[in-house]
Amino acid sequence: MADLVDSRRMSAKFENQQPNWTPGRQTAYHVLTFGWLIDELMRRIDPKQRNVAEFFRDEIARVYGK
């Protein structure tokens, strides 16, 4: 459970994960891992290194008064 609330630990787990099959032969993502992957991608491409929730709050919800 501690891993699930620590984005750095989850990121490290994904980075160190070995492929389950030969790359390029098959692809699949679980609904839970997809969210973690998108969140980490957002942190890495956003200049402010915000997660998805922070980005949404700052750039979308506040802009539209929500």
PDB file of N, CA and C in Angstrom:
ATOM      1  N   MET A   1       0.825  -1.187   0.000  1.00  0.00           N
ATOM      2  CA  MET A   1       0.000   0.000   0.000  1.00  0.00           C
ATOM      3  C   MET A   1       0.876   1.259   0.000  1.00  0.00           C
ATOM      4  N   ALA A   2       2.023   1.191   0.652  1.00  0.00           N
ATOM      5  CA  ALA A   2       2.912   2.362   0.694  1.00  0.00           C
ATOM      6  C   ALA A   2       3.366   2.759  -0.706  1.00  0.00           C
ATOM      7  N   ASP A   3       3.548   1.783  -1.584  1.00  0.00           N
ATOM      8  CA  ASP A   3       3.956   2.083  -2.956  1.00  0.00           C
ATOM      9  C   ASP A   3       2.903   2.904  -3.693  1.00  0.00           C
ATOM     10  N   LEU A   4       1.650   2.608  -3.445  1.00  0.00           N
ATOM     11  CA  LEU A   4       0.563   3.255  -4.183  1.00  0.00           C
ATOM     12  C   LEU A   4       0.420   4.743  -3.902  1.00  0.00           C
ATOM     13  N   VAL A   5       0.940   5.210  -2.806  1.00  0.00           N
ATOM     14  CA  VAL A   5       0.827   6.634  -2.478  1.00  0.00           C
ATOM     15  C   VAL A   5       2.150   7.377  -2.664  1.00  0.00           C
ATOM     16  N   ASP A   6       3.125   6.703  -3.240  1.00  0.00           N
ATOM     17  CA  ASP A   6       4.444   7.308  -3.443  1.00  0.00           C
ATOM     18  C   ASP A   6       4.787   7.287  -4.931  1.00  0.00           C
ATOM     19  N   SER A   7       4.612   8.420  -5.599  1.00  0.00           N
ATOM     20  CA  SER A   7       4.813   8.462  -7.048  1.00  0.00           C
ATOM     21  C   SER A   7       6.242   8.137  -7.443  1.00  0.00           C
ATOM     22  N   ARG A   8       7.216   8.484  -6.624  1.00  0.00           N
ATOM     23  CA  ARG A   8       8.611   8.178  -6.956  1.00  0.00           C
ATOM     24  C   ARG A   8       8.872   6.670  -6.906  1.00  0.00           C
ATOM     25  N   ARG A   9       8.315   6.005  -5.928  1.00  0.00           N
ATOM     26  CA  ARG A   9       8.487   4.555  -5.833  1.00  0.00           C
ATOM     27  C   ARG A   9       7.812   3.849  -7.001  1.00  0.00           C
ATOM     28  N   MET A  10       6.610   4.313  -7.363  1.00  0.00           N
ATOM     29  CA  MET A  10       5.900   3.704  -8.488  1.00  0.00           C
ATOM     30  C   MET A  10       6.656   3.939  -9.791  1.00  0.00           C
ATOM     31  N   SER A  11       7.199   5.126  -9.958  1.00  0.00           N
ATOM     32  CA  SER A  11       7.969   5.433 -11.154  1.00  0.00           C
ATOM     33  C   SER A  11       9.174   4.501 -11.256  1.00  0.00           C
ATOM     34  N   ALA A  12       9.862   4.297 -10.158  1.00  0.00           N
ATOM     35  CA  ALA A  12      11.024   3.408 -10.143  1.00  0.00           C
ATOM     36  C   ALA A  12      10.621   1.975 -10.495  1.00  0.00           C
ATOM     37  N   LYS A  13       9.472   1.530 -10.010  1.00  0.00           N
ATOM     38  CA  LYS A  13       9.000   0.179 -10.332  1.00  0.00           C
ATOM     39  C   LYS A  13       8.768   0.030 -11.833  1.00  0.00           C
ATOM     40  N   PHE A  14       8.157   1.033 -12.448  1.00  0.00           N
ATOM     41  CA  PHE A  14       7.912   0.968 -13.894  1.00  0.00           C
ATOM     42  C   PHE A  14       9.219   1.021 -14.677  1.00  0.00           C
ATOM     43  N   GLU A  15      10.124   1.862 -14.252  1.00  0.00           N
ATOM     44  CA  GLU A  15      11.400   1.983 -14.952  1.00  0.00           C
ATOM     45  C   GLU A  15      12.203   0.690 -14.907  1.00  0.00           C
ATOM     46  N   ASN A  16      12.083  -0.049 -13.823  1.00  0.00           N
ATOM     47  CA  ASN A  16      12.855  -1.278 -13.645  1.00  0.00           C
ATOM     48  C   ASN A  16      12.122  -2.537 -14.097  1.00  0.00           C
ATOM     49  N   GLN A  17      10.881  -2.395 -14.530  1.00  0.00           N
ATOM     50  CA  GLN A  17      10.081  -3.548 -14.959  1.00  0.00           C
ATOM     51  C   GLN A  17      10.637  -4.148 -16.248  1.00  0.00           C
ATOM     52  N   GLN A  18      10.829  -5.441 -16.253  1.00  0.00           N
ATOM     53  CA  GLN A  18      11.263  -6.146 -17.454  1.00  0.00           C
ATOM     54  C   GLN A  18      10.033  -6.434 -18.318  1.00  0.00           C
ATOM     55  N   PRO A  19      10.176  -6.434 -19.640  1.00  0.00           N
ATOM     56  CA  PRO A  19       9.029  -6.738 -20.509  1.00  0.00           C
ATOM     57  C   PRO A  19       8.472  -8.134 -20.233  1.00  0.00           C
ATOM     58  N   ASN A  20       7.158  -8.262 -20.341  1.00  0.00           N
ATOM     59  CA  ASN A  20       6.515  -9.565 -20.161  1.00  0.00           C
ATOM     60  C   ASN A  20       6.590 -10.403 -21.422  1.00  0.00           C
ATOM     61  N   TRP A  21       6.922  -9.784 -22.565  1.00  0.00           N
ATOM     62  CA  TRP A  21       7.061 -10.463 -23.830  1.00  0.00           C
ATOM     63  C   TRP A  21       8.032  -9.685 -24.698  1.00  0.00           C
ATOM     64  N   THR A  22       8.373 -10.201 -25.843  1.00  0.00           N
ATOM     65  CA  THR A  22       9.316  -9.550 -26.738  1.00  0.00           C
ATOM     66  C   THR A  22       8.769  -8.196 -27.179  1.00  0.00           C
ATOM     67  N   PRO A  23       9.524  -7.106 -26.954  1.00  0.00           N
ATOM     68  CA  PRO A  23       9.052  -5.783 -27.374  1.00  0.00           C
ATOM     69  C   PRO A  23       8.687  -5.765 -28.863  1.00  0.00           C
ATOM     70  N   GLY A  24       7.561  -5.112 -29.155  1.00  0.00           N
ATOM     71  CA  GLY A  24       7.086  -5.018 -30.522  1.00  0.00           C
ATOM     72  C   GLY A  24       6.158  -6.141 -30.951  1.00  0.00           C
ATOM     73  N   ARG A  25       6.033  -7.165 -30.139  1.00  0.00           N
ATOM     74  CA  ARG A  25       5.198  -8.317 -30.489  1.00  0.00           C
ATOM     75  C   ARG A  25       3.801  -8.199 -29.925  1.00  0.00           C
ATOM     76  N   GLN A  26       3.661  -7.492 -28.800  1.00  0.00           N
ATOM     77  CA  GLN A  26       2.381  -7.421 -28.121  1.00  0.00           C
ATOM     78  C   GLN A  26       2.395  -6.212 -27.197  1.00  0.00           C
ATOM     79  N   THR A  27       1.226  -5.678 -26.908  1.00  0.00           N
ATOM     80  CA  THR A  27       1.128  -4.576 -25.963  1.00  0.00           C
ATOM     81  C   THR A  27      -0.146  -4.709 -25.146  1.00  0.00           C
ATOM     82  N   ALA A  28      -0.107  -4.257 -23.920  1.00  0.00           N
ATOM     83  CA  ALA A  28      -1.279  -4.272 -23.053  1.00  0.00           C
ATOM     84  C   ALA A  28      -0.976  -3.445 -21.810  1.00  0.00           C
ATOM     85  N   TYR A  29      -1.969  -2.758 -21.329  1.00  0.00           N
ATOM     86  CA  TYR A  29      -1.822  -1.986 -20.095  1.00  0.00           C
ATOM     87  C   TYR A  29      -3.040  -2.229 -19.224  1.00  0.00           C
ATOM     88  N   HIS A  30      -2.809  -2.382 -17.965  1.00  0.00           N
ATOM     89  CA  HIS A  30      -3.871  -2.536 -16.994  1.00  0.00           C
ATOM     90  C   HIS A  30      -4.411  -1.152 -16.658  1.00  0.00           C
ATOM     91  N   VAL A  31      -5.658  -1.055 -16.323  1.00  0.00           N
ATOM     92  CA  VAL A  31      -6.278   0.238 -16.037  1.00  0.00           C
ATOM     93  C   VAL A  31      -5.524   0.995 -14.937  1.00  0.00           C
ATOM     94  N   LEU A  32      -5.005   0.307 -13.946  1.00  0.00           N
ATOM     95  CA  LEU A  32      -4.281   0.991 -12.871  1.00  0.00           C
ATOM     96  C   LEU A  32      -2.900   1.448 -13.307  1.00  0.00           C
ATOM     97  N   THR A  33      -2.197   0.639 -14.064  1.00  0.00           N
ATOM     98  CA  THR A  33      -0.857   1.036 -14.490  1.00  0.00           C
ATOM     99  C   THR A  33      -0.921   2.155 -15.516  1.00  0.00           C
ATOM    100  N   PHE A  34      -1.965   2.197 -16.324  1.00  0.00           N
ATOM    101  CA  PHE A  34      -2.091   3.260 -17.317  1.00  0.00           C
ATOM    102  C   PHE A  34      -2.156   4.624 -16.633  1.00  0.00           C
ATOM    103  N   GLY A  35      -2.899   4.723 -15.561  1.00  0.00           N
ATOM    104  CA  GLY A  35      -2.983   5.979 -14.813  1.00  0.00           C
ATOM    105  C   GLY A  35      -1.637   6.417 -14.264  1.00  0.00           C
ATOM    106  N   TRP A  36      -0.878   5.481 -13.724  1.00  0.00           N
ATOM    107  CA  TRP A  36       0.450   5.806 -13.199  1.00  0.00           C
ATOM    108  C   TRP A  36       1.382   6.249 -14.314  1.00  0.00           C
ATOM    109  N   LEU A  37       1.290   5.595 -15.468  1.00  0.00           N
ATOM    110  CA  LEU A  37       2.141   5.967 -16.599  1.00  0.00           C
ATOM    111  C   LEU A  37       1.825   7.379 -17.094  1.00  0.00           C
ATOM    112  N   ILE A  38       0.548   7.704 -17.219  1.00  0.00           N
ATOM    113  CA  ILE A  38       0.148   9.037 -17.671  1.00  0.00           C
ATOM    114  C   ILE A  38       0.568  10.091 -16.653  1.00  0.00           C
ATOM    115  N   ASP A  39       0.403   9.791 -15.375  1.00  0.00           N
ATOM    116  CA  ASP A  39       0.794  10.739 -14.329  1.00  0.00           C
ATOM    117  C   ASP A  39       2.292  11.029 -14.386  1.00  0.00           C
ATOM    118  N   GLU A  40       3.094   9.994 -14.560  1.00  0.00           N
ATOM    119  CA  GLU A  40       4.543  10.182 -14.628  1.00  0.00           C
ATOM    120  C   GLU A  40       4.933  10.934 -15.895  1.00  0.00           C
ATOM    121  N   LEU A  41       4.281  10.628 -17.002  1.00  0.00           N
ATOM    122  CA  LEU A  41       4.536  11.356 -18.239  1.00  0.00           C
ATOM    123  C   LEU A  41       4.250  12.844 -18.050  1.00  0.00           C
ATOM    124  N   MET A  42       3.136  13.157 -17.414  1.00  0.00           N
ATOM    125  CA  MET A  42       2.780  14.556 -17.160  1.00  0.00           C
ATOM    126  C   MET A  42       3.847  15.234 -16.307  1.00  0.00           C
ATOM    127  N   ARG A  43       4.296  14.582 -15.261  1.00  0.00           N
ATOM    128  CA  ARG A  43       5.334  15.162 -14.397  1.00  0.00           C
ATOM    129  C   ARG A  43       6.615  15.466 -15.185  1.00  0.00           C
ATOM    130  N   ARG A  44       6.939  14.599 -16.123  1.00  0.00           N
ATOM    131  CA  ARG A  44       8.193  14.761 -16.857  1.00  0.00           C
ATOM    132  C   ARG A  44       8.116  15.801 -17.974  1.00  0.00           C
ATOM    133  N   ILE A  45       6.947  15.999 -18.561  1.00  0.00           N
ATOM    134  CA  ILE A  45       6.847  16.974 -19.653  1.00  0.00           C
ATOM    135  C   ILE A  45       6.399  18.355 -19.192  1.00  0.00           C
ATOM    136  N   ASP A  46       5.760  18.447 -18.046  1.00  0.00           N
ATOM    137  CA  ASP A  46       5.299  19.739 -17.534  1.00  0.00           C
ATOM    138  C   ASP A  46       6.480  20.500 -16.932  1.00  0.00           C
ATOM    139  N   PRO A  47       6.719  21.742 -17.357  1.00  0.00           N
ATOM    140  CA  PRO A  47       7.835  22.514 -16.802  1.00  0.00           C
ATOM    141  C   PRO A  47       7.760  22.683 -15.279  1.00  0.00           C
ATOM    142  N   LYS A  48       6.538  22.653 -14.725  1.00  0.00           N
ATOM    143  CA  LYS A  48       6.370  22.791 -13.274  1.00  0.00           C
ATOM    144  C   LYS A  48       6.356  21.442 -12.564  1.00  0.00           C
ATOM    145  N   GLN A  49       6.479  20.368 -13.312  1.00  0.00           N
ATOM    146  CA  GLN A  49       6.503  18.993 -12.796  1.00  0.00           C
ATOM    147  C   GLN A  49       5.277  18.657 -11.946  1.00  0.00           C
ATOM    148  N   ARG A  50       4.114  19.111 -12.423  1.00  0.00           N
ATOM    149  CA  ARG A  50       2.860  18.819 -11.722  1.00  0.00           C
ATOM    150  C   ARG A  50       2.335  17.456 -12.142  1.00  0.00           C
ATOM    151  N   ASN A  51       1.585  16.827 -11.245  1.00  0.00           N
ATOM    152  CA  ASN A  51       0.923  15.578 -11.614  1.00  0.00           C
ATOM    153  C   ASN A  51      -0.359  15.916 -12.380  1.00  0.00           C
ATOM    154  N   VAL A  52      -1.088  14.899 -12.813  1.00  0.00           N
ATOM    155  CA  VAL A  52      -2.280  15.121 -13.620  1.00  0.00           C
ATOM    156  C   VAL A  52      -3.313  15.952 -12.859  1.00  0.00           C
ATOM    157  N   ALA A  53      -3.536  15.643 -11.604  1.00  0.00           N
ATOM    158  CA  ALA A  53      -4.535  16.373 -10.814  1.00  0.00           C
ATOM    159  C   ALA A  53      -4.161  17.851 -10.672  1.00  0.00           C
ATOM    160  N   GLU A  54      -2.912  18.113 -10.384  1.00  0.00           N
ATOM    161  CA  GLU A  54      -2.461  19.502 -10.237  1.00  0.00           C
ATOM    162  C   GLU A  54      -2.566  20.252 -11.561  1.00  0.00           C
ATOM    163  N   PHE A  55      -2.168  19.612 -12.652  1.00  0.00           N
ATOM    164  CA  PHE A  55      -2.247  20.235 -13.966  1.00  0.00           C
ATOM    165  C   PHE A  55      -3.694  20.561 -14.311  1.00  0.00           C
ATOM    166  N   PHE A  56      -4.591  19.613 -14.096  1.00  0.00           N
ATOM    167  CA  PHE A  56      -6.004  19.826 -14.385  1.00  0.00           C
ATOM    168  C   PHE A  56      -6.561  20.983 -13.552  1.00  0.00           C
ATOM    169  N   ARG A  57      -6.254  20.983 -12.267  1.00  0.00           N
ATOM    170  CA  ARG A  57      -6.734  22.047 -11.384  1.00  0.00           C
ATOM    171  C   ARG A  57      -6.246  23.411 -11.860  1.00  0.00           C
ATOM    172  N   ASP A  58      -4.954  23.528 -12.133  1.00  0.00           N
ATOM    173  CA  ASP A  58      -4.344  24.814 -12.481  1.00  0.00           C
ATOM    174  C   ASP A  58      -4.697  25.303 -13.882  1.00  0.00           C
ATOM    175  N   GLU A  59      -4.688  24.409 -14.845  1.00  0.00           N
ATOM    176  CA  GLU A  59      -4.804  24.813 -16.238  1.00  0.00           C
ATOM    177  C   GLU A  59      -6.220  24.699 -16.819  1.00  0.00           C
ATOM    178  N   ILE A  60      -7.076  23.923 -16.178  1.00  0.00           N
ATOM    179  CA  ILE A  60      -8.417  23.728 -16.734  1.00  0.00           C
ATOM    180  C   ILE A  60      -9.502  24.166 -15.753  1.00  0.00           C
ATOM    181  N   ALA A  61      -9.517  23.582 -14.559  1.00  0.00           N
ATOM    182  CA  ALA A  61     -10.602  23.889 -13.611  1.00  0.00           C
ATOM    183  C   ALA A  61     -10.611  25.367 -13.207  1.00  0.00           C
ATOM    184  N   ARG A  62      -9.479  25.905 -12.844  1.00  0.00           N
ATOM    185  CA  ARG A  62      -9.438  27.316 -12.446  1.00  0.00           C
ATOM    186  C   ARG A  62      -9.772  28.251 -13.586  1.00  0.00           C
ATOM    187  N   VAL A  63      -9.326  27.914 -14.778  1.00  0.00           N
ATOM    188  CA  VAL A  63      -9.595  28.757 -15.954  1.00  0.00           C
ATOM    189  C   VAL A  63     -11.102  28.855 -16.196  1.00  0.00           C
ATOM    190  N   TYR A  64     -11.813  27.762 -15.978  1.00  0.00           N
ATOM    191  CA  TYR A  64     -13.242  27.735 -16.248  1.00  0.00           C
ATOM    192  C   TYR A  64     -14.081  27.873 -14.978  1.00  0.00           C
ATOM    193  N   GLY A  65     -13.460  28.305 -13.881  1.00  0.00           N
ATOM    194  CA  GLY A  65     -14.176  28.583 -12.646  1.00  0.00           C
ATOM    195  C   GLY A  65     -14.786  27.392 -11.959  1.00  0.00           C
ATOM    196  N   LYS A  66     -14.133  26.277 -12.054  1.00  0.00           N
ATOM    197  CA  LYS A  66     -14.654  25.064 -11.404  1.00  0.00           C
ATOM    198  C   LYS A  66     -13.847  24.681 -10.202  1.00  0.00           C
TER     199      LYS A  66
END
